[in-house]
PDB file of N, CA and C in Angstrom:
ATOM      1  N   MET A   1      30.781  26.937   8.234  1.00  0.00           N
ATOM      2  CA  MET A   1      29.536  26.477   8.847  1.00  0.00           C
ATOM      3  C   MET A   1      28.362  26.622   7.877  1.00  0.00           C
ATOM      4  N   GLN A   2      28.358  27.733   7.147  1.00  0.00           N
ATOM      5  CA  GLN A   2      27.262  27.979   6.217  1.00  0.00           C
ATOM      6  C   GLN A   2      27.300  26.974   5.059  1.00  0.00           C
ATOM      7  N   ALA A   3      28.509  26.613   4.643  1.00  0.00           N
ATOM      8  CA  ALA A   3      28.649  25.635   3.565  1.00  0.00           C
ATOM      9  C   ALA A   3      28.097  24.281   4.007  1.00  0.00           C
ATOM     10  N   LEU A   4      28.339  23.939   5.262  1.00  0.00           N
ATOM     11  CA  LEU A   4      27.834  22.678   5.808  1.00  0.00           C
ATOM     12  C   LEU A   4      26.308  22.674   5.841  1.00  0.00           C
ATOM     13  N   GLU A   5      25.722  23.800   6.271  1.00  0.00           N
ATOM     14  CA  GLU A   5      24.257  23.910   6.307  1.00  0.00           C
ATOM     15  C   GLU A   5      23.669  23.780   4.907  1.00  0.00           C
ATOM     16  N   LYS A   6      24.334  24.420   3.939  1.00  0.00           N
ATOM     17  CA  LYS A   6      23.872  24.351   2.549  1.00  0.00           C
ATOM     18  C   LYS A   6      23.945  22.902   2.047  1.00  0.00           C
ATOM     19  N   TYR A   7      25.047  22.240   2.357  1.00  0.00           N
ATOM     20  CA  TYR A   7      25.238  20.848   1.946  1.00  0.00           C
ATOM     21  C   TYR A   7      24.148  19.954   2.543  1.00  0.00           C
ATOM     22  N   ILE A   8      23.865  20.144   3.839  1.00  0.00           N
ATOM     23  CA  ILE A   8      22.850  19.335   4.524  1.00  0.00           C
ATOM     24  C   ILE A   8      21.468  19.589   3.929  1.00  0.00           C
ATOM     25  N   SER A   9      21.138  20.858   3.680  1.00  0.00           N
ATOM     26  CA  SER A   9      19.819  21.162   3.126  1.00  0.00           C
ATOM     27  C   SER A   9      19.670  20.596   1.713  1.00  0.00           C
ATOM     28  N   GLU A  10      20.749  20.639   0.925  1.00  0.00           N
ATOM     29  CA  GLU A  10      20.711  20.046  -0.418  1.00  0.00           C
ATOM     30  C   GLU A  10      20.552  18.534  -0.334  1.00  0.00           C
ATOM     31  N   ALA A  11      21.223  17.924   0.617  1.00  0.00           N
ATOM     32  CA  ALA A  11      21.114  16.474   0.789  1.00  0.00           C
ATOM     33  C   ALA A  11      19.683  16.083   1.159  1.00  0.00           C
ATOM     34  N   PHE A  12      19.068  16.848   2.070  1.00  0.00           N
ATOM     35  CA  PHE A  12      17.679  16.570   2.441  1.00  0.00           C
ATOM     36  C   PHE A  12      16.746  16.783   1.258  1.00  0.00           C
ATOM     37  N   PHE A  13      17.006  17.823   0.477  1.00  0.00           N
ATOM     38  CA  PHE A  13      16.195  18.125  -0.699  1.00  0.00           C
ATOM     39  C   PHE A  13      16.257  16.971  -1.700  1.00  0.00           C
ATOM     40  N   LEU A  14      17.479  16.488  -1.963  1.00  0.00           N
ATOM     41  CA  LEU A  14      17.656  15.374  -2.902  1.00  0.00           C
ATOM     42  C   LEU A  14      17.015  14.096  -2.371  1.00  0.00           C
ATOM     43  N   LYS A  15      17.154  13.861  -1.068  1.00  0.00           N
ATOM     44  CA  LYS A  15      16.554  12.673  -0.457  1.00  0.00           C
ATOM     45  C   LYS A  15      15.036  12.732  -0.591  1.00  0.00           C
ATOM     46  N   ASN A  16      14.475  13.920  -0.402  1.00  0.00           N
ATOM     47  CA  ASN A  16      13.039  14.121  -0.525  1.00  0.00           C
ATOM     48  C   ASN A  16      12.571  13.800  -1.946  1.00  0.00           C
ATOM     49  N   ILE A  17      13.311  14.293  -2.940  1.00  0.00           N
ATOM     50  CA  ILE A  17      12.973  14.010  -4.342  1.00  0.00           C
ATOM     51  C   ILE A  17      13.067  12.511  -4.609  1.00  0.00           C
ATOM     52  N   GLN A  18      14.106  11.889  -4.087  1.00  0.00           N
ATOM     53  CA  GLN A  18      14.308  10.453  -4.270  1.00  0.00           C
ATOM     54  C   GLN A  18      13.130   9.664  -3.694  1.00  0.00           C
ATOM     55  N   LEU A  19      12.689  10.033  -2.490  1.00  0.00           N
ATOM     56  CA  LEU A  19      11.563   9.345  -1.858  1.00  0.00           C
ATOM     57  C   LEU A  19      10.279   9.546  -2.652  1.00  0.00           C
ATOM     58  N   LYS A  20      10.073  10.763  -3.165  1.00  0.00           N
ATOM     59  CA  LYS A  20       8.883  11.030  -3.972  1.00  0.00           C
ATOM     60  C   LYS A  20       8.886  10.184  -5.236  1.00  0.00           C
ATOM     61  N   LEU A  21      10.049  10.064  -5.866  1.00  0.00           N
ATOM     62  CA  LEU A  21      10.164   9.244  -7.076  1.00  0.00           C
ATOM     63  C   LEU A  21       9.885   7.775  -6.773  1.00  0.00           C
ATOM     64  N   ILE A  22      10.450   7.286  -5.675  1.00  0.00           N
ATOM     65  CA  ILE A  22      10.226   5.897  -5.280  1.00  0.00           C
ATOM     66  C   ILE A  22       8.744   5.647  -5.037  1.00  0.00           C
ATOM     67  N   ASN A  23       8.081   6.568  -4.324  1.00  0.00           N
ATOM     68  CA  ASN A  23       6.648   6.424  -4.070  1.00  0.00           C
ATOM     69  C   ASN A  23       5.859   6.402  -5.364  1.00  0.00           C
ATOM     70  N   LEU A  24       6.223   7.279  -6.285  1.00  0.00           N
ATOM     71  CA  LEU A  24       5.524   7.355  -7.569  1.00  0.00           C
ATOM     72  C   LEU A  24       5.691   6.053  -8.349  1.00  0.00           C
ATOM     73  N   ILE A  25       6.919   5.543  -8.377  1.00  0.00           N
ATOM     74  CA  ILE A  25       7.194   4.296  -9.099  1.00  0.00           C
ATOM     75  C   ILE A  25       6.425   3.136  -8.466  1.00  0.00           C
ATOM     76  N   GLU A  26       6.430   3.062  -7.119  1.00  0.00           N
ATOM     77  CA  GLU A  26       5.696   1.995  -6.439  1.00  0.00           C
ATOM     78  C   GLU A  26       4.207   2.073  -6.735  1.00  0.00           C
ATOM     79  N   GLU A  27       3.648   3.295  -6.693  1.00  0.00           N
ATOM     80  CA  GLU A  27       2.228   3.469  -6.992  1.00  0.00           C
ATOM     81  C   GLU A  27       1.906   2.960  -8.380  1.00  0.00           C
ATOM     82  N   ARG A  28       2.692   3.358  -9.362  1.00  0.00           N
ATOM     83  CA  ARG A  28       2.464   2.935 -10.749  1.00  0.00           C
ATOM     84  C   ARG A  28       2.595   1.415 -10.869  1.00  0.00           C
ATOM     85  N   PHE A  29       3.614   0.865 -10.217  1.00  0.00           N
ATOM     86  CA  PHE A  29       3.869  -0.568 -10.280  1.00  0.00           C
ATOM     87  C   PHE A  29       2.684  -1.356  -9.724  1.00  0.00           C
ATOM     88  N   PHE A  30       2.218  -0.970  -8.512  1.00  0.00           N
ATOM     89  CA  PHE A  30       1.108  -1.690  -7.903  1.00  0.00           C
ATOM     90  C   PHE A  30      -0.178  -1.480  -8.679  1.00  0.00           C
ATOM     91  N   TYR A  31      -0.358  -0.295  -9.241  1.00  0.00           N
ATOM     92  CA  TYR A  31      -1.551  -0.018 -10.038  1.00  0.00           C
ATOM     93  C   TYR A  31      -1.564  -0.909 -11.279  1.00  0.00           C
ATOM     94  N   SER A  32      -0.410  -1.063 -11.930  1.00  0.00           N
ATOM     95  CA  SER A  32      -0.359  -1.892 -13.131  1.00  0.00           C
ATOM     96  C   SER A  32      -0.573  -3.365 -12.788  1.00  0.00           C
ATOM     97  N   ILE A  33      -0.067  -3.812 -11.639  1.00  0.00           N
ATOM     98  CA  ILE A  33      -0.308  -5.194 -11.210  1.00  0.00           C
ATOM     99  C   ILE A  33      -1.793  -5.405 -10.938  1.00  0.00           C
ATOM    100  N   LYS A  34      -2.420  -4.424 -10.269  1.00  0.00           N
ATOM    101  CA  LYS A  34      -3.846  -4.515  -9.982  1.00  0.00           C
ATOM    102  C   LYS A  34      -4.641  -4.611 -11.281  1.00  0.00           C
ATOM    103  N   LEU A  35      -4.281  -3.795 -12.262  1.00  0.00           N
ATOM    104  CA  LEU A  35      -4.964  -3.829 -13.559  1.00  0.00           C
ATOM    105  C   LEU A  35      -4.773  -5.186 -14.224  1.00  0.00           C
ATOM    106  N   LEU A  36      -3.556  -5.692 -14.166  1.00  0.00           N
ATOM    107  CA  LEU A  36      -3.252  -6.981 -14.784  1.00  0.00           C
ATOM    108  C   LEU A  36      -4.124  -8.082 -14.187  1.00  0.00           C
ATOM    109  N   PHE A  37      -4.196  -8.138 -12.852  1.00  0.00           N
ATOM    110  CA  PHE A  37      -5.021  -9.150 -12.198  1.00  0.00           C
ATOM    111  C   PHE A  37      -6.494  -8.948 -12.517  1.00  0.00           C
ATOM    112  N   HIS A  38      -6.914  -7.700 -12.589  1.00  0.00           N
ATOM    113  CA  HIS A  38      -8.304  -7.386 -12.909  1.00  0.00           C
ATOM    114  C   HIS A  38      -8.663  -7.962 -14.282  1.00  0.00           C
ATOM    115  N   PHE A  39      -7.798  -7.734 -15.264  1.00  0.00           N
ATOM    116  CA  PHE A  39      -8.075  -8.234 -16.608  1.00  0.00           C
ATOM    117  C   PHE A  39      -7.959  -9.753 -16.678  1.00  0.00           C
ATOM    118  N   LYS A  40      -7.041 -10.327 -15.914  1.00  0.00           N
ATOM    119  CA  LYS A  40      -6.923 -11.788 -15.889  1.00  0.00           C
ATOM    120  C   LYS A  40      -8.194 -12.408 -15.331  1.00  0.00           C
ATOM    121  N   LEU A  41      -8.725 -11.833 -14.243  1.00  0.00           N
ATOM    122  CA  LEU A  41      -9.960 -12.334 -13.647  1.00  0.00           C
ATOM    123  C   LEU A  41     -11.122 -12.166 -14.609  1.00  0.00           C
ATOM    124  N   LYS A  42     -11.196 -11.015 -15.252  1.00  0.00           N
ATOM    125  CA  LYS A  42     -12.256 -10.765 -16.229  1.00  0.00           C
ATOM    126  C   LYS A  42     -12.171 -11.795 -17.347  1.00  0.00           C
ATOM    127  N   ASN A  43     -10.961 -12.079 -17.778  1.00  0.00           N
ATOM    128  CA  ASN A  43     -10.735 -13.039 -18.850  1.00  0.00           C
ATOM    129  C   ASN A  43     -11.228 -14.428 -18.443  1.00  0.00           C
ATOM    130  N   LYS A  44     -10.928 -14.825 -17.198  1.00  0.00           N
ATOM    131  CA  LYS A  44     -11.371 -16.130 -16.703  1.00  0.00           C
ATOM    132  C   LYS A  44     -12.888 -16.199 -16.654  1.00  0.00           C
ATOM    133  N   GLU A  45     -13.520 -15.118 -16.173  1.00  0.00           N
ATOM    134  CA  GLU A  45     -14.978 -15.085 -16.102  1.00  0.00           C
ATOM    135  C   GLU A  45     -15.577 -15.203 -17.495  1.00  0.00           C
ATOM    136  N   CYS A  46     -15.006 -14.500 -18.450  1.00  0.00           N
ATOM    137  CA  CYS A  46     -15.504 -14.552 -19.825  1.00  0.00           C
ATOM    138  C   CYS A  46     -15.343 -15.961 -20.390  1.00  0.00           C
ATOM    139  N   SER A  47     -14.205 -16.587 -20.110  1.00  0.00           N
ATOM    140  CA  SER A  47     -13.960 -17.946 -20.601  1.00  0.00           C
ATOM    141  C   SER A  47     -14.979 -18.914 -20.005  1.00  0.00           C
ATOM    142  N   LYS A  48     -15.252 -18.786 -18.696  1.00  0.00           N
ATOM    143  CA  LYS A  48     -16.206 -19.676 -18.032  1.00  0.00           C
ATOM    144  C   LYS A  48     -17.596 -19.529 -18.633  1.00  0.00           C
ATOM    145  N   THR A  49     -18.033 -18.287 -18.826  1.00  0.00           N
ATOM    146  CA  THR A  49     -19.377 -18.080 -19.374  1.00  0.00           C
ATOM    147  C   THR A  49     -19.438 -18.577 -20.812  1.00  0.00           C
ATOM    148  N   PHE A  50     -18.361 -18.401 -21.536  1.00  0.00           N
ATOM    149  CA  PHE A  50     -18.327 -18.855 -22.925  1.00  0.00           C
ATOM    150  C   PHE A  50     -18.370 -20.383 -22.986  1.00  0.00           C
ATOM    151  N   LEU A  51     -17.630 -21.039 -22.093  1.00  0.00           N
ATOM    152  CA  LEU A  51     -17.589 -22.502 -22.086  1.00  0.00           C
ATOM    153  C   LEU A  51     -18.898 -23.104 -21.580  1.00  0.00           C
ATOM    154  N   SER A  52     -19.556 -22.423 -20.659  1.00  0.00           N
ATOM    155  CA  SER A  52     -20.785 -22.981 -20.089  1.00  0.00           C
ATOM    156  C   SER A  52     -21.983 -22.836 -21.021  1.00  0.00           C
ATOM    157  N   THR A  53     -21.885 -21.972 -22.029  1.00  0.00           N
ATOM    158  CA  THR A  53     -23.021 -21.806 -22.956  1.00  0.00           C
ATOM    159  C   THR A  53     -22.950 -22.773 -24.105  1.00  0.00           C
TER     160      THR A  53
END
């Protein structure tokens, strides 16, 4: 019985780490996409002002 409890607690521990890693990766991924779009928009604005002058 104790071995089963240990196994279950280890499984929950590993699942918790896995979820934390997934969250971290998603955060980084969305942050990098946001940055990419930010720079693309900035680039377009710069191009427009450059072309209009």
